[in-house]
Amino acid sequence: MELAPAAALFRSLGDPARLLIARQLAVGPARVVDLVEMTGLAQSTVSKHLACMRDCGLIASQPVGRASLFRLAEPTLLDVLAAAETVLAATGAKVALCPTYGVAGAAEETC
């Protein structure tokens, strides 16, 4: 099994803003303005991360009037997020404390 695509998937979800947006889209489709309101992120930040997630094939959009409606492209992404929550619950704070990838050691990645 080729591992590079799986690693790319996890890197594409490796930004807290993208995870927050994915969680919001898990509830249902949303416009940029809706995601800005729901997440508290700046419009430019939401738009940048939506473009990244669309380029990665994680979300899709459809025009609705002058706006676009964004949704998860693959509903099984919810299973990945749920599995991650299970692993995090089982390991406690160990991942967050990791000197390389933890909260204090993680370098900010951009898409």
C-alpha atoms as a PDB file:
ATOM      1  CA  MET A   1       0.000   0.000   0.000  1.00  0.00           C
ATOM      2  CA  GLU A   2       1.309   3.419  -0.950  1.00  0.00           C
ATOM      3  CA  LEU A   3       1.530   5.586   2.181  1.00  0.00           C
ATOM      4  CA  ALA A   4       2.233   8.971   0.556  1.00  0.00           C
ATOM      5  CA  PRO A   5      -1.452   9.682  -0.243  1.00  0.00           C
ATOM      6  CA  ALA A   6      -2.452   8.889   3.355  1.00  0.00           C
ATOM      7  CA  ALA A   7       0.304  11.167   4.654  1.00  0.00           C
ATOM      8  CA  ALA A   8      -0.932  13.917   2.323  1.00  0.00           C
ATOM      9  CA  LEU A   9      -4.474  13.452   3.643  1.00  0.00           C
ATOM     10  CA  PHE A  10      -3.323  13.931   7.222  1.00  0.00           C
ATOM     11  CA  ARG A  11      -1.194  16.942   6.266  1.00  0.00           C
ATOM     12  CA  SER A  12      -4.214  18.464   4.516  1.00  0.00           C
ATOM     13  CA  LEU A  13      -6.121  18.194   7.803  1.00  0.00           C
ATOM     14  CA  GLY A  14      -3.124  19.309   9.870  1.00  0.00           C
ATOM     15  CA  ASP A  15      -4.262  22.882  10.378  1.00  0.00           C
ATOM     16  CA  PRO A  16      -6.669  23.713  13.227  1.00  0.00           C
ATOM     17  CA  ALA A  17      -8.631  26.082  10.984  1.00  0.00           C
ATOM     18  CA  ARG A  18      -9.174  23.367   8.358  1.00  0.00           C
ATOM     19  CA  LEU A  19     -10.296  20.919  11.051  1.00  0.00           C
ATOM     20  CA  LEU A  20     -12.718  23.509  12.398  1.00  0.00           C
ATOM     21  CA  ILE A  21     -14.121  24.101   8.910  1.00  0.00           C
ATOM     22  CA  ALA A  22     -14.412  20.345   8.299  1.00  0.00           C
ATOM     23  CA  ARG A  23     -16.325  19.979  11.573  1.00  0.00           C
ATOM     24  CA  GLN A  24     -18.711  22.727  10.536  1.00  0.00           C
ATOM     25  CA  LEU A  25     -19.243  21.171   7.107  1.00  0.00           C
ATOM     26  CA  ALA A  26     -19.888  17.818   8.797  1.00  0.00           C
ATOM     27  CA  VAL A  27     -23.077  19.391  10.163  1.00  0.00           C
ATOM     28  CA  GLY A  28     -24.139  20.386   6.650  1.00  0.00           C
ATOM     29  CA  PRO A  29     -23.327  22.557   3.641  1.00  0.00           C
ATOM     30  CA  ALA A  30     -22.439  26.192   4.266  1.00  0.00           C
ATOM     31  CA  ARG A  31     -21.489  29.392   2.482  1.00  0.00           C
ATOM     32  CA  VAL A  32     -18.276  31.285   3.264  1.00  0.00           C
ATOM     33  CA  VAL A  33     -20.248  33.894   5.199  1.00  0.00           C
ATOM     34  CA  ASP A  34     -21.845  31.124   7.288  1.00  0.00           C
ATOM     35  CA  LEU A  35     -18.463  29.543   8.021  1.00  0.00           C
ATOM     36  CA  VAL A  36     -17.020  32.930   9.015  1.00  0.00           C
ATOM     37  CA  GLU A  37     -19.868  33.390  11.490  1.00  0.00           C
ATOM     38  CA  MET A  38     -19.674  29.811  12.825  1.00  0.00           C
ATOM     39  CA  THR A  39     -15.900  29.683  13.226  1.00  0.00           C
ATOM     40  CA  GLY A  40     -15.045  33.273  14.123  1.00  0.00           C
ATOM     41  CA  LEU A  41     -12.245  33.187  11.548  1.00  0.00           C
ATOM     42  CA  ALA A  42     -11.589  36.008   9.094  1.00  0.00           C
ATOM     43  CA  GLN A  43     -13.233  35.725   5.672  1.00  0.00           C
ATOM     44  CA  SER A  44      -9.838  35.612   3.958  1.00  0.00           C
ATOM     45  CA  THR A  45      -8.716  32.774   6.252  1.00  0.00           C
ATOM     46  CA  VAL A  46     -11.860  30.747   5.601  1.00  0.00           C
ATOM     47  CA  SER A  47     -11.589  31.298   1.848  1.00  0.00           C
ATOM     48  CA  LYS A  48      -7.903  30.302   1.817  1.00  0.00           C
ATOM     49  CA  HIS A  49      -8.568  27.085   3.698  1.00  0.00           C
ATOM     50  CA  LEU A  50     -11.635  26.244   1.605  1.00  0.00           C
ATOM     51  CA  ALA A  51      -9.505  26.583  -1.539  1.00  0.00           C
ATOM     52  CA  CYS A  52      -6.868  24.300  -0.033  1.00  0.00           C
ATOM     53  CA  MET A  53      -9.448  21.712   0.988  1.00  0.00           C
ATOM     54  CA  ARG A  54     -11.088  21.857  -2.442  1.00  0.00           C
ATOM     55  CA  ASP A  55      -7.701  21.388  -4.137  1.00  0.00           C
ATOM     56  CA  CYS A  56      -7.157  18.319  -1.914  1.00  0.00           C
ATOM     57  CA  GLY A  57     -10.550  16.905  -2.903  1.00  0.00           C
ATOM     58  CA  LEU A  58     -11.920  17.097   0.644  1.00  0.00           C
ATOM     59  CA  ILE A  59     -14.732  19.529  -0.118  1.00  0.00           C
ATOM     60  CA  ALA A  60     -16.855  20.436  -3.102  1.00  0.00           C
ATOM     61  CA  SER A  61     -18.820  23.545  -3.924  1.00  0.00           C
ATOM     62  CA  GLN A  62     -21.768  24.490  -6.033  1.00  0.00           C
ATOM     63  CA  PRO A  63     -22.873  27.961  -7.047  1.00  0.00           C
ATOM     64  CA  VAL A  64     -25.990  29.293  -5.333  1.00  0.00           C
ATOM     65  CA  GLY A  65     -26.779  32.720  -6.706  1.00  0.00           C
ATOM     66  CA  ARG A  66     -23.706  34.885  -6.268  1.00  0.00           C
ATOM     67  CA  ALA A  67     -22.296  32.676  -3.499  1.00  0.00           C
ATOM     68  CA  SER A  68     -21.046  29.098  -3.345  1.00  0.00           C
ATOM     69  CA  LEU A  69     -22.297  26.366  -1.071  1.00  0.00           C
ATOM     70  CA  PHE A  70     -19.518  24.173   0.332  1.00  0.00           C
ATOM     71  CA  ARG A  71     -19.915  20.593   1.526  1.00  0.00           C
ATOM     72  CA  LEU A  72     -17.728  17.623   2.368  1.00  0.00           C
ATOM     73  CA  ALA A  73     -16.881  15.872  -0.891  1.00  0.00           C
ATOM     74  CA  GLU A  74     -16.597  12.508   0.800  1.00  0.00           C
ATOM     75  CA  PRO A  75     -18.891  11.787   3.765  1.00  0.00           C
ATOM     76  CA  THR A  76     -16.482   9.123   5.036  1.00  0.00           C
ATOM     77  CA  LEU A  77     -14.223  11.989   6.116  1.00  0.00           C
ATOM     78  CA  LEU A  78     -16.525  12.033   9.157  1.00  0.00           C
ATOM     79  CA  ASP A  79     -15.331   8.500   9.949  1.00  0.00           C
ATOM     80  CA  VAL A  80     -11.704   9.663   9.806  1.00  0.00           C
ATOM     81  CA  LEU A  81     -12.437  12.534  12.189  1.00  0.00           C
ATOM     82  CA  ALA A  82     -14.347  10.234  14.552  1.00  0.00           C
ATOM     83  CA  ALA A  83     -11.483   7.720  14.518  1.00  0.00           C
ATOM     84  CA  ALA A  84      -9.036  10.531  15.313  1.00  0.00           C
ATOM     85  CA  GLU A  85     -11.158  11.551  18.300  1.00  0.00           C
ATOM     86  CA  THR A  86     -11.131   7.931  19.509  1.00  0.00           C
ATOM     87  CA  VAL A  87      -7.328   7.744  19.235  1.00  0.00           C
ATOM     88  CA  LEU A  88      -6.949  11.093  21.010  1.00  0.00           C
ATOM     89  CA  ALA A  89      -9.237   9.948  23.816  1.00  0.00           C
ATOM     90  CA  ALA A  90      -7.221   6.736  24.186  1.00  0.00           C
ATOM     91  CA  THR A  91      -3.830   8.489  24.264  1.00  0.00           C
ATOM     92  CA  GLY A  92      -4.870  11.434  26.406  1.00  0.00           C
ATOM     93  CA  ALA A  93      -2.681  14.490  26.049  1.00  0.00           C
ATOM     94  CA  LYS A  94       0.371  12.626  24.753  1.00  0.00           C
ATOM     95  CA  VAL A  95      -0.013  13.840  21.147  1.00  0.00           C
ATOM     96  CA  ALA A  96      -0.499  17.437  22.282  1.00  0.00           C
ATOM     97  CA  LEU A  97       2.676  17.152  24.384  1.00  0.00           C
ATOM     98  CA  CYS A  98       4.791  15.643  21.588  1.00  0.00           C
ATOM     99  CA  PRO A  99       7.904  17.853  21.187  1.00  0.00           C
ATOM    100  CA  THR A 100       7.781  17.592  17.384  1.00  0.00           C
ATOM    101  CA  TYR A 101       4.087  17.655  16.502  1.00  0.00           C
ATOM    102  CA  GLY A 102       2.487  18.789  19.746  1.00  0.00           C
ATOM    103  CA  VAL A 103       0.901  22.134  20.384  1.00  0.00           C
ATOM    104  CA  ALA A 104       4.152  23.806  21.446  1.00  0.00           C
ATOM    105  CA  GLY A 105       6.420  22.133  18.875  1.00  0.00           C
ATOM    106  CA  ALA A 106       4.294  22.219  15.739  1.00  0.00           C
ATOM    107  CA  ALA A 107       5.407  24.562  13.019  1.00  0.00           C
ATOM    108  CA  GLU A 108       2.528  26.245  11.223  1.00  0.00           C
ATOM    109  CA  GLU A 109       1.867  24.535   7.910  1.00  0.00           C
ATOM    110  CA  THR A 110       0.271  26.271   5.003  1.00  0.00           C
ATOM    111  CA  CYS A 111      -1.597  24.718   2.168  1.00  0.00           C
END
